[in-house]
């Protein structure tokens, strides 16, 4: 299944905060039991954010790009998983990073999601570690 009528908006925290926060709280805090105080941080204010909307205009996914080239807080609501939304979000953030001159992108993927990022050109670097009780692996993309 593909969400062909998905659209992605890229912008700043003030304009996308409401939707991004709602998705992240649902996916990370409610589903994955990440403590809310770990999920929301001061970096949001300086990041580029992306929100994916379904055909009805409902926000179904989010991600952020930090000033240092790290991509993070990638989350897609259950109803939209497996539809290509995550890939569209990732590609939008990668395009923005490339446009601003980033030559290396990095992220800490939940280990089960590593194949998704590998399909987009990221490679694993280092050993698995745990963050908020969830297995992660560092990955990088070089232009």
Protein backbone atom coordinates (compact mmCIF):
# COMPACT_ATOMS: atom_id res chain seq x y z
CA UNK A 1 0.00 0.00 0.00
CA UNK A 2 1.29 3.44 -0.93
CA UNK A 3 0.00 6.78 0.23
CA UNK A 4 0.33 8.44 -3.16
CA UNK A 5 -1.52 11.59 -2.17
CA UNK A 6 0.76 12.32 0.79
CA UNK A 7 2.31 15.77 0.99
CA UNK A 8 5.28 16.86 3.07
CA UNK A 9 5.70 20.34 4.54
CA UNK A 10 9.12 21.47 5.75
CA UNK A 11 9.38 24.38 8.14
CA UNK A 12 10.33 25.70 11.54
CA UNK A 13 9.22 24.66 15.04
CA UNK A 14 6.72 27.47 15.66
CA UNK A 15 4.77 26.63 12.50
CA UNK A 16 4.89 22.81 12.81
CA UNK A 17 5.10 22.28 16.58
CA UNK A 18 1.48 21.32 17.18
CA UNK A 19 1.41 18.50 14.63
CA UNK A 20 4.96 17.26 15.31
CA UNK A 21 4.42 17.17 19.05
CA UNK A 22 1.15 15.26 18.74
CA UNK A 23 2.69 12.58 16.49
CA UNK A 24 5.82 12.20 18.64
CA UNK A 25 3.79 11.90 21.85
CA UNK A 26 1.58 9.26 20.24
CA UNK A 27 4.40 7.19 18.73
CA UNK A 28 7.26 7.57 21.18
CA UNK A 29 5.58 8.27 24.52
CA UNK A 30 2.32 6.31 24.24
CA UNK A 31 3.38 3.40 21.99
CA UNK A 32 7.04 2.99 22.92
CA UNK A 33 6.92 4.24 26.53
CA UNK A 34 9.67 6.83 26.08
CA UNK A 35 9.45 9.29 29.00
CA UNK A 36 7.87 12.55 27.80
CA UNK A 37 10.70 14.55 29.35
CA UNK A 38 13.19 12.70 27.12
CA UNK A 39 11.11 13.08 23.99
CA UNK A 40 10.69 16.84 23.92
CA UNK A 41 13.92 18.85 24.11
CA UNK A 42 15.36 22.31 23.56
CA UNK A 43 16.79 21.31 20.15
CA UNK A 44 13.37 21.49 18.50
CA UNK A 45 13.61 25.30 18.39
CA UNK A 46 16.72 25.20 16.17
CA UNK A 47 15.76 22.29 13.91
CA UNK A 48 14.16 22.10 10.50
CA UNK A 49 10.97 20.02 10.87
CA UNK A 50 8.95 18.02 8.37
CA UNK A 51 5.33 16.90 8.60
CA UNK A 52 3.64 14.44 6.23
CA UNK A 53 -0.08 14.88 5.61
CA UNK A 54 -2.43 12.30 4.14
CA UNK A 55 -4.95 13.12 1.42
CA UNK A 56 -7.43 14.40 4.01
CA UNK A 57 -4.86 16.81 5.42
CA UNK A 58 -4.26 14.80 8.60
CA UNK A 59 -0.69 14.90 9.92
CA UNK A 60 0.59 11.30 9.85
CA UNK A 61 4.38 11.58 10.18
CA UNK A 62 7.19 13.84 11.33
CA UNK A 63 10.96 14.16 11.49
CA UNK A 64 13.58 16.81 12.20
CA UNK A 65 16.98 17.94 10.93
CA UNK A 66 19.40 19.36 13.47
CA UNK A 67 21.90 22.12 12.63
CA UNK A 68 24.77 19.58 12.79
CA UNK A 69 23.27 17.28 10.13
CA UNK A 70 21.61 14.77 12.43
CA UNK A 71 18.17 13.53 11.46
CA UNK A 72 15.95 12.52 14.32
CA UNK A 73 12.54 12.10 15.85
CA UNK A 74 11.29 10.26 12.76
CA UNK A 75 7.81 8.99 13.61
CA UNK A 76 4.86 7.75 11.54
CA UNK A 77 1.43 7.03 12.98
CA UNK A 78 0.37 3.37 12.91
CA UNK A 79 -2.36 4.10 10.37
CA UNK A 80 0.23 5.31 7.81
CA UNK A 81 3.09 2.86 8.39
CA UNK A 82 4.16 0.87 5.35
CA UNK A 83 2.70 3.44 2.96
CA UNK A 84 5.91 5.24 1.99
CA UNK A 85 5.32 8.21 4.32
CA UNK A 86 8.57 7.62 6.22
CA UNK A 87 10.55 7.57 2.99
CA UNK A 88 8.96 10.79 1.80
CA UNK A 89 9.75 12.48 5.12
CA UNK A 90 13.34 11.25 5.08
CA UNK A 91 13.86 12.35 1.48
CA UNK A 92 12.48 15.83 2.25
CA UNK A 93 14.88 16.23 5.20
CA UNK A 94 17.81 14.88 3.17
CA UNK A 95 17.04 17.31 0.33
CA UNK A 96 16.94 20.23 2.76
CA UNK A 97 20.27 19.15 4.30
CA UNK A 98 21.89 18.83 0.89
CA UNK A 99 20.55 22.23 -0.19
CA UNK A 100 22.11 23.93 2.83
CA UNK A 101 25.46 22.28 2.09
CA UNK A 102 25.58 19.35 4.49
CA UNK A 103 27.92 16.64 3.18
CA UNK A 104 27.35 14.05 5.91
CA UNK A 105 24.08 13.17 7.61
CA UNK A 106 23.86 11.09 10.77
CA UNK A 107 21.10 9.48 12.78
CA UNK A 108 20.52 7.04 15.60
CA UNK A 109 18.02 4.54 14.24
CA UNK A 110 15.99 2.17 16.29
CA UNK A 111 17.70 -1.08 15.36
CA UNK A 112 14.59 -2.61 13.80
CA UNK A 113 14.41 0.41 11.43
CA UNK A 114 18.01 0.12 10.16
CA UNK A 115 16.96 -1.64 6.90
CA UNK A 116 14.63 1.28 6.11
CA UNK A 117 17.49 3.77 6.41
CA UNK A 118 19.84 1.46 4.48
CA UNK A 119 17.39 1.53 1.56
CA UNK A 120 17.92 5.30 1.51
CA UNK A 121 21.72 5.06 1.44
CA UNK A 122 22.60 5.20 5.15
CA UNK A 123 25.26 2.82 6.46
CA UNK A 124 25.71 1.46 9.96
CA UNK A 125 28.60 2.81 12.01
CA UNK A 126 29.47 1.36 15.39
CA UNK A 127 27.75 -1.01 17.74
CA UNK A 128 24.20 -1.24 18.94
CA UNK A 129 23.33 0.73 22.09
CA UNK A 130 20.26 1.41 24.17
CA UNK A 131 18.50 4.76 24.49
CA UNK A 132 15.29 5.10 26.52
CA UNK A 133 15.32 1.30 26.82
CA UNK A 134 15.21 0.80 23.02
CA UNK A 135 18.00 -0.73 20.90
CA UNK A 136 19.56 1.81 18.50
CA UNK A 137 22.36 1.88 15.94
CA UNK A 138 24.24 4.90 14.57
CA UNK A 139 24.04 5.40 10.81
CA UNK A 140 25.54 7.89 8.37
CA UNK A 141 24.93 9.10 4.82
CA UNK A 142 27.69 10.76 2.80
CA UNK A 143 27.00 12.84 -0.32
